Amino acid sequence: MMCKMLSRSMTKNPFLLLQFWLNEATESDLQPNPDTMAIATADSEGVPNARMVLCKEINAEKGYVVFYTNYNSVKSIEIKENPKSSALFHWDKLGYQIRIRGEILQSPDEENDAYFATRSLGSQVGAWASDQSNPVESRQALDDQFRKILDRFNITSEALALDKQKIPRPPHWGGYRLWAEEVEFWLNRKDRLHDRMHFKRALTIGSKGIETGDNWTVKRLQP
């Protein structure tokens, strides 16, 4: 699949192109942390907020991306107040950018448990120890919280260093799925005549969760 010019014939599913671009960014070794994406949310008053997270899954069949966080964090509170969100991938060394707009829903517990089990022991302890987004008196107080979790689960310094032990997922930590309603690809071109391709589908939250349309409409946008 050539990516030097965007065309409608490249794919009928934008998530296949997203996966292709992410693979290229990863394999090229030109872009640090290629799976990093910005997630923008807004609170109940419409005040926007953006931060960088790691994209841990691309589900091309259903059309969503997954990231993980603390369910008590500011972003999670904002998601609860307003599940509409936007994500942004930007690989400047390749001249690629992808914007996603849609709705966010929590990932299933079994999926959260499975991913948490793959994390390092230190990251697992950190998920228990940090009351994300809330004030802390000092760095020493944060370190003390970490040590309390080590004691709670009988984790020795050796076990932490060797990463040989696992602990259960805290109930306040898990994943979110950003279900795409719109996806836009931006490809850097000379003379600032950049290529932009916009995909859109029907997306609603029904009684059984997310309901999506099967077909994407595609439009070329001016730069």
C-alpha atoms as a PDB file:
ATOM      1  CA  MET A   1       0.000   0.000   0.000  1.00  0.00           C
ATOM      2  CA  MET A   2       1.607   3.271  -1.111  1.00  0.00           C
ATOM      3  CA  CYS A   3       1.122   6.231   1.202  1.00  0.00           C
ATOM      4  CA  LYS A   4       2.699   9.060  -0.801  1.00  0.00           C
ATOM      5  CA  MET A   5      -0.720  10.141  -1.994  1.00  0.00           C
ATOM      6  CA  LEU A   6      -4.119   9.462  -0.461  1.00  0.00           C
ATOM      7  CA  SER A   7      -6.879   8.080  -2.651  1.00  0.00           C
ATOM      8  CA  ARG A   8     -10.348   6.662  -2.108  1.00  0.00           C
ATOM      9  CA  SER A   9      -9.234   3.352  -3.567  1.00  0.00           C
ATOM     10  CA  MET A  10      -6.663   2.760  -0.813  1.00  0.00           C
ATOM     11  CA  THR A  11      -9.126   1.180   1.599  1.00  0.00           C
ATOM     12  CA  LYS A  12     -12.809   1.046   2.503  1.00  0.00           C
ATOM     13  CA  ASN A  13     -11.860   0.774   6.187  1.00  0.00           C
ATOM     14  CA  PRO A  14      -9.833   3.680   7.619  1.00  0.00           C
ATOM     15  CA  PHE A  15      -8.603   1.564  10.517  1.00  0.00           C
ATOM     16  CA  LEU A  16      -6.662  -0.645   8.127  1.00  0.00           C
ATOM     17  CA  LEU A  17      -4.814   2.451   6.913  1.00  0.00           C
ATOM     18  CA  LEU A  18      -4.330   3.596  10.519  1.00  0.00           C
ATOM     19  CA  GLN A  19      -2.757   0.238  11.355  1.00  0.00           C
ATOM     20  CA  PHE A  20      -0.566   0.409   8.252  1.00  0.00           C
ATOM     21  CA  TRP A  21       0.719   3.874   9.126  1.00  0.00           C
ATOM     22  CA  LEU A  22       1.354   2.877  12.747  1.00  0.00           C
ATOM     23  CA  ASN A  23       3.269  -0.199  11.573  1.00  0.00           C
ATOM     24  CA  GLU A  24       5.347   1.968   9.242  1.00  0.00           C
ATOM     25  CA  ALA A  25       6.090   4.452  12.023  1.00  0.00           C
ATOM     26  CA  THR A  26       7.100   1.591  14.330  1.00  0.00           C
ATOM     27  CA  GLU A  27       9.253  -0.271  11.815  1.00  0.00           C
ATOM     28  CA  SER A  28      11.004   2.853  10.534  1.00  0.00           C
ATOM     29  CA  ASP A  29      12.399   3.543  14.017  1.00  0.00           C
ATOM     30  CA  LEU A  30      12.283   7.258  13.161  1.00  0.00           C
ATOM     31  CA  GLN A  31       9.513   8.236  15.564  1.00  0.00           C
ATOM     32  CA  PRO A  32       9.939   7.834  19.338  1.00  0.00           C
ATOM     33  CA  ASN A  33       6.907   6.210  20.972  1.00  0.00           C
ATOM     34  CA  PRO A  34       4.944   5.781  17.722  1.00  0.00           C
ATOM     35  CA  ASP A  35       1.913   4.443  19.610  1.00  0.00           C
ATOM     36  CA  THR A  36       1.481   7.766  21.437  1.00  0.00           C
ATOM     37  CA  MET A  37      -1.759   9.624  20.746  1.00  0.00           C
ATOM     38  CA  ALA A  38      -3.374  12.735  22.158  1.00  0.00           C
ATOM     39  CA  ILE A  39      -6.804  12.307  23.740  1.00  0.00           C
ATOM     40  CA  ALA A  40      -8.988  15.398  24.013  1.00  0.00           C
ATOM     41  CA  THR A  41     -12.012  15.490  26.308  1.00  0.00           C
ATOM     42  CA  ALA A  42     -14.317  18.209  27.605  1.00  0.00           C
ATOM     43  CA  ASP A  43     -16.019  18.647  30.954  1.00  0.00           C
ATOM     44  CA  SER A  44     -19.713  19.278  31.565  1.00  0.00           C
ATOM     45  CA  GLU A  45     -19.213  22.976  30.785  1.00  0.00           C
ATOM     46  CA  GLY A  46     -17.486  22.239  27.489  1.00  0.00           C
ATOM     47  CA  VAL A  47     -13.985  23.242  28.626  1.00  0.00           C
ATOM     48  CA  PRO A  48     -11.482  21.174  26.584  1.00  0.00           C
ATOM     49  CA  ASN A  49      -8.584  19.182  27.970  1.00  0.00           C
ATOM     50  CA  ALA A  50      -5.914  17.202  26.098  1.00  0.00           C
ATOM     51  CA  ARG A  51      -3.124  14.832  27.118  1.00  0.00           C
ATOM     52  CA  MET A  52      -0.897  12.127  25.630  1.00  0.00           C
ATOM     53  CA  VAL A  53      -1.703   8.445  26.176  1.00  0.00           C
ATOM     54  CA  LEU A  54      -0.550   5.171  24.624  1.00  0.00           C
ATOM     55  CA  CYS A  55      -2.709   3.423  22.048  1.00  0.00           C
ATOM     56  CA  LYS A  56      -2.679  -0.219  23.165  1.00  0.00           C
ATOM     57  CA  GLU A  57      -5.031  -1.708  20.569  1.00  0.00           C
ATOM     58  CA  ILE A  58      -6.483  -0.917  17.164  1.00  0.00           C
ATOM     59  CA  ASN A  59      -9.623  -2.908  16.420  1.00  0.00           C
ATOM     60  CA  ALA A  60      -9.945  -2.549  12.659  1.00  0.00           C
ATOM     61  CA  GLU A  61     -13.009  -4.780  12.382  1.00  0.00           C
ATOM     62  CA  LYS A  62     -15.167  -2.752  14.785  1.00  0.00           C
ATOM     63  CA  GLY A  63     -13.447   0.600  14.451  1.00  0.00           C
ATOM     64  CA  TYR A  64     -12.057   1.631  17.832  1.00  0.00           C
ATOM     65  CA  VAL A  65      -8.757   2.310  19.594  1.00  0.00           C
ATOM     66  CA  VAL A  66      -7.964   1.432  23.218  1.00  0.00           C
ATOM     67  CA  PHE A  67      -6.040   3.245  25.943  1.00  0.00           C
ATOM     68  CA  TYR A  68      -5.733   2.631  29.690  1.00  0.00           C
ATOM     69  CA  THR A  69      -5.922   4.955  32.670  1.00  0.00           C
ATOM     70  CA  ASN A  70      -7.178   5.488  36.220  1.00  0.00           C
ATOM     71  CA  TYR A  71     -10.989   5.556  36.311  1.00  0.00           C
ATOM     72  CA  ASN A  72     -10.863   8.265  39.008  1.00  0.00           C
ATOM     73  CA  SER A  73      -8.631  10.611  36.995  1.00  0.00           C
ATOM     74  CA  VAL A  74      -9.686  13.957  35.569  1.00  0.00           C
ATOM     75  CA  LYS A  75      -9.934  12.489  32.078  1.00  0.00           C
ATOM     76  CA  SER A  76     -12.213   9.720  33.344  1.00  0.00           C
ATOM     77  CA  ILE A  77     -14.460  12.206  35.138  1.00  0.00           C
ATOM     78  CA  GLU A  78     -14.687  14.240  31.942  1.00  0.00           C
ATOM     79  CA  ILE A  79     -15.434  11.116  29.898  1.00  0.00           C
ATOM     80  CA  LYS A  80     -18.257  10.265  32.289  1.00  0.00           C
ATOM     81  CA  GLU A  81     -19.659  13.779  31.930  1.00  0.00           C
ATOM     82  CA  ASN A  82     -19.198  13.894  28.172  1.00  0.00           C
ATOM     83  CA  PRO A  83     -18.254  10.678  26.328  1.00  0.00           C
ATOM     84  CA  LYS A  84     -17.596  12.483  23.049  1.00  0.00           C
ATOM     85  CA  SER A  85     -13.871  12.663  22.430  1.00  0.00           C
ATOM     86  CA  SER A  86     -11.134  13.165  19.876  1.00  0.00           C
ATOM     87  CA  ALA A  87      -7.775  11.455  19.353  1.00  0.00           C
ATOM     88  CA  LEU A  88      -4.735  12.537  17.369  1.00  0.00           C
ATOM     89  CA  PHE A  89      -1.758  10.592  16.024  1.00  0.00           C
ATOM     90  CA  HIS A  90       1.117  12.631  14.589  1.00  0.00           C
ATOM     91  CA  TRP A  91       4.287  11.173  13.100  1.00  0.00           C
ATOM     92  CA  ASP A  92       6.112  14.297  11.953  1.00  0.00           C
ATOM     93  CA  LYS A  93       9.176  12.503  10.559  1.00  0.00           C
ATOM     94  CA  LEU A  94       6.915  10.605   8.160  1.00  0.00           C
ATOM     95  CA  GLY A  95       4.552  13.483   7.453  1.00  0.00           C
ATOM     96  CA  TYR A  96       1.512  11.556   8.717  1.00  0.00           C
ATOM     97  CA  GLN A  97      -1.344  12.726  10.929  1.00  0.00           C
ATOM     98  CA  ILE A  98      -4.606  11.003  11.848  1.00  0.00           C
ATOM     99  CA  ARG A  99      -7.563  12.523  13.701  1.00  0.00           C
ATOM    100  CA  ILE A 100     -10.349  10.411  15.213  1.00  0.00           C
ATOM    101  CA  ARG A 101     -13.654  11.681  16.632  1.00  0.00           C
ATOM    102  CA  GLY A 102     -16.240   9.537  18.354  1.00  0.00           C
ATOM    103  CA  GLU A 103     -17.604   8.161  21.633  1.00  0.00           C
ATOM    104  CA  ILE A 104     -15.736   6.590  24.535  1.00  0.00           C
ATOM    105  CA  LEU A 105     -16.926   3.569  26.518  1.00  0.00           C
ATOM    106  CA  GLN A 106     -15.130   1.555  29.205  1.00  0.00           C
ATOM    107  CA  SER A 107     -13.489  -1.681  28.126  1.00  0.00           C
ATOM    108  CA  PRO A 108     -14.800  -5.001  29.533  1.00  0.00           C
ATOM    109  CA  ASP A 109     -13.315  -6.176  32.841  1.00  0.00           C
ATOM    110  CA  GLU A 110     -11.912  -9.359  31.317  1.00  0.00           C
ATOM    111  CA  GLU A 111     -10.035  -7.320  28.723  1.00  0.00           C
ATOM    112  CA  ASN A 112      -8.710  -4.979  31.422  1.00  0.00           C
ATOM    113  CA  ASP A 113      -7.544  -7.933  33.547  1.00  0.00           C
ATOM    114  CA  ALA A 114      -5.774  -9.543  30.600  1.00  0.00           C
ATOM    115  CA  TYR A 115      -3.882  -6.380  29.684  1.00  0.00           C
ATOM    116  CA  PHE A 116      -3.003  -5.516  33.299  1.00  0.00           C
ATOM    117  CA  ALA A 117      -1.401  -8.950  33.651  1.00  0.00           C
ATOM    118  CA  THR A 118       1.054  -8.071  30.844  1.00  0.00           C
ATOM    119  CA  ARG A 119       2.346  -4.950  32.626  1.00  0.00           C
ATOM    120  CA  SER A 120       5.557  -4.950  34.613  1.00  0.00           C
ATOM    121  CA  LEU A 121       5.274  -5.430  38.362  1.00  0.00           C
ATOM    122  CA  GLY A 122       6.428  -1.870  38.973  1.00  0.00           C
ATOM    123  CA  SER A 123       3.708  -0.505  36.694  1.00  0.00           C
ATOM    124  CA  GLN A 124       1.134  -2.686  38.423  1.00  0.00           C
ATOM    125  CA  VAL A 125       2.183  -1.369  41.828  1.00  0.00           C
ATOM    126  CA  GLY A 126       2.114   2.182  40.470  1.00  0.00           C
ATOM    127  CA  ALA A 127      -1.484   1.735  39.333  1.00  0.00           C
ATOM    128  CA  TRP A 128      -2.454   0.856  42.905  1.00  0.00           C
ATOM    129  CA  ALA A 129      -0.277   3.539  44.523  1.00  0.00           C
ATOM    130  CA  SER A 130      -1.224   6.616  42.484  1.00  0.00           C
ATOM    131  CA  ASP A 131      -4.448   8.508  43.129  1.00  0.00           C
ATOM    132  CA  GLN A 132      -4.125   9.989  39.657  1.00  0.00           C
ATOM    133  CA  SER A 133      -4.793  13.713  39.146  1.00  0.00           C
ATOM    134  CA  ASN A 134      -5.174  14.371  42.889  1.00  0.00           C
ATOM    135  CA  PRO A 135      -2.717  16.549  44.860  1.00  0.00           C
ATOM    136  CA  VAL A 136       0.078  14.929  46.861  1.00  0.00           C
ATOM    137  CA  GLU A 137       2.010  16.614  49.663  1.00  0.00           C
ATOM    138  CA  SER A 138       5.465  15.728  48.348  1.00  0.00           C
ATOM    139  CA  ARG A 139       7.437  13.261  46.240  1.00  0.00           C
ATOM    140  CA  GLN A 140       8.293  11.498  49.486  1.00  0.00           C
ATOM    141  CA  ALA A 141       4.580  11.028  50.202  1.00  0.00           C
ATOM    142  CA  LEU A 142       4.111   9.484  46.751  1.00  0.00           C
ATOM    143  CA  ASP A 143       7.051   7.136  47.324  1.00  0.00           C
ATOM    144  CA  ASP A 144       5.544   6.175  50.681  1.00  0.00           C
ATOM    145  CA  GLN A 145       2.270   5.255  48.951  1.00  0.00           C
ATOM    146  CA  PHE A 146       4.243   3.025  46.583  1.00  0.00           C
ATOM    147  CA  ARG A 147       5.996   1.291  49.479  1.00  0.00           C
ATOM    148  CA  LYS A 148       2.675   0.690  51.236  1.00  0.00           C
ATOM    149  CA  ILE A 149       1.464  -1.232  48.184  1.00  0.00           C
ATOM    150  CA  LEU A 150       4.676  -3.264  48.193  1.00  0.00           C
ATOM    151  CA  ASP A 151       3.968  -4.183  51.817  1.00  0.00           C
ATOM    152  CA  ARG A 152       0.293  -4.873  51.108  1.00  0.00           C
ATOM    153  CA  PHE A 153       1.156  -7.505  48.509  1.00  0.00           C
ATOM    154  CA  ASN A 154       4.337  -8.749  50.224  1.00  0.00           C
ATOM    155  CA  ILE A 155       6.550  -7.644  47.346  1.00  0.00           C
ATOM    156  CA  THR A 156      10.279  -7.649  48.069  1.00  0.00           C
ATOM    157  CA  SER A 157      12.846  -5.380  46.407  1.00  0.00           C
ATOM    158  CA  GLU A 158      14.260  -8.439  44.647  1.00  0.00           C
ATOM    159  CA  ALA A 159      10.855  -9.434  43.250  1.00  0.00           C
ATOM    160  CA  LEU A 160      10.318  -5.869  42.029  1.00  0.00           C
ATOM    161  CA  ALA A 161      13.723  -5.764  40.340  1.00  0.00           C
ATOM    162  CA  LEU A 162      13.312  -9.176  38.713  1.00  0.00           C
ATOM    163  CA  ASP A 163       9.688  -8.554  37.722  1.00  0.00           C
ATOM    164  CA  LYS A 164       8.722 -12.092  38.741  1.00  0.00           C
ATOM    165  CA  GLN A 165       5.529 -11.388  40.658  1.00  0.00           C
ATOM    166  CA  LYS A 166       2.058 -10.296  39.518  1.00  0.00           C
ATOM    167  CA  ILE A 167      -0.763  -8.651  41.452  1.00  0.00           C
ATOM    168  CA  PRO A 168      -4.462  -8.215  40.614  1.00  0.00           C
ATOM    169  CA  ARG A 169      -5.805  -5.189  38.739  1.00  0.00           C
ATOM    170  CA  PRO A 170      -7.145  -2.418  40.976  1.00  0.00           C
ATOM    171  CA  PRO A 171     -10.877  -1.794  40.412  1.00  0.00           C
ATOM    172  CA  HIS A 172     -10.202   1.880  39.666  1.00  0.00           C
ATOM    173  CA  TRP A 173      -7.908   1.163  36.707  1.00  0.00           C
ATOM    174  CA  GLY A 174      -8.786  -0.032  33.224  1.00  0.00           C
ATOM    175  CA  GLY A 175      -9.262   0.692  29.551  1.00  0.00           C
ATOM    176  CA  TYR A 176     -11.400   2.851  27.333  1.00  0.00           C
ATOM    177  CA  ARG A 177     -12.483   2.240  23.781  1.00  0.00           C
ATOM    178  CA  LEU A 178     -12.751   5.276  21.526  1.00  0.00           C
ATOM    179  CA  TRP A 179     -15.290   4.259  18.888  1.00  0.00           C
ATOM    180  CA  ALA A 180     -14.765   6.266  15.728  1.00  0.00           C
ATOM    181  CA  GLU A 181     -17.484   8.203  13.982  1.00  0.00           C
ATOM    182  CA  GLU A 182     -15.018  10.194  11.904  1.00  0.00           C
ATOM    183  CA  VAL A 183     -11.419   9.544  10.864  1.00  0.00           C
ATOM    184  CA  GLU A 184      -9.285  12.013   8.929  1.00  0.00           C
ATOM    185  CA  PHE A 185      -5.900  11.292   7.355  1.00  0.00           C
ATOM    186  CA  TRP A 186      -3.401  14.063   6.640  1.00  0.00           C
ATOM    187  CA  LEU A 187      -0.367  13.470   4.440  1.00  0.00           C
ATOM    188  CA  ASN A 188       2.345  16.102   4.080  1.00  0.00           C
ATOM    189  CA  ARG A 189       2.865  17.267   0.468  1.00  0.00           C
ATOM    190  CA  LYS A 190       4.998  19.954  -1.133  1.00  0.00           C
ATOM    191  CA  ASP A 191       3.783  23.550  -1.556  1.00  0.00           C
ATOM    192  CA  ARG A 192       1.517  22.960   1.459  1.00  0.00           C
ATOM    193  CA  LEU A 193      -0.967  21.202  -0.819  1.00  0.00           C
ATOM    194  CA  HIS A 194      -1.333  18.432   1.732  1.00  0.00           C
ATOM    195  CA  ASP A 195      -3.549  15.404   1.131  1.00  0.00           C
ATOM    196  CA  ARG A 196      -6.558  15.088   3.453  1.00  0.00           C
ATOM    197  CA  MET A 197      -9.039  12.210   3.345  1.00  0.00           C
ATOM    198  CA  HIS A 198     -12.100  12.130   5.607  1.00  0.00           C
ATOM    199  CA  PHE A 199     -14.064   8.983   6.576  1.00  0.00           C
ATOM    200  CA  LYS A 200     -17.434   9.046   8.353  1.00  0.00           C
ATOM    201  CA  ARG A 201     -20.007   6.476   9.484  1.00  0.00           C
ATOM    202  CA  ALA A 202     -23.143   6.337  11.612  1.00  0.00           C
ATOM    203  CA  LEU A 203     -22.442   5.873  15.328  1.00  0.00           C
ATOM    204  CA  THR A 204     -24.984   5.798  18.152  1.00  0.00           C
ATOM    205  CA  ILE A 205     -25.089   4.577  21.749  1.00  0.00           C
ATOM    206  CA  GLY A 206     -28.002   2.171  22.097  1.00  0.00           C
ATOM    207  CA  SER A 207     -29.367  -0.027  24.863  1.00  0.00           C
ATOM    208  CA  LYS A 208     -26.785  -2.694  23.996  1.00  0.00           C
ATOM    209  CA  GLY A 209     -23.852  -0.291  23.772  1.00  0.00           C
ATOM    210  CA  ILE A 210     -22.324   1.142  20.613  1.00  0.00           C
ATOM    211  CA  GLU A 211     -24.134   0.662  17.326  1.00  0.00           C
ATOM    212  CA  THR A 212     -22.203   1.449  14.148  1.00  0.00           C
ATOM    213  CA  GLY A 213     -22.892   1.649  10.457  1.00  0.00           C
ATOM    214  CA  ASP A 214     -21.210  -0.857   8.167  1.00  0.00           C
ATOM    215  CA  ASN A 215     -20.173   1.601   5.473  1.00  0.00           C
ATOM    216  CA  TRP A 216     -17.826   4.586   5.607  1.00  0.00           C
ATOM    217  CA  THR A 217     -18.399   7.607   3.390  1.00  0.00           C
ATOM    218  CA  VAL A 218     -15.190   9.100   2.040  1.00  0.00           C
ATOM    219  CA  LYS A 219     -14.403  12.689   1.036  1.00  0.00           C
ATOM    220  CA  ARG A 220     -11.234  14.443  -0.023  1.00  0.00           C
ATOM    221  CA  LEU A 221     -10.702  17.729   1.846  1.00  0.00           C
ATOM    222  CA  GLN A 222      -8.780  20.788   0.792  1.00  0.00           C
ATOM    223  CA  PRO A 223      -5.645  21.562   2.823  1.00  0.00           C
END
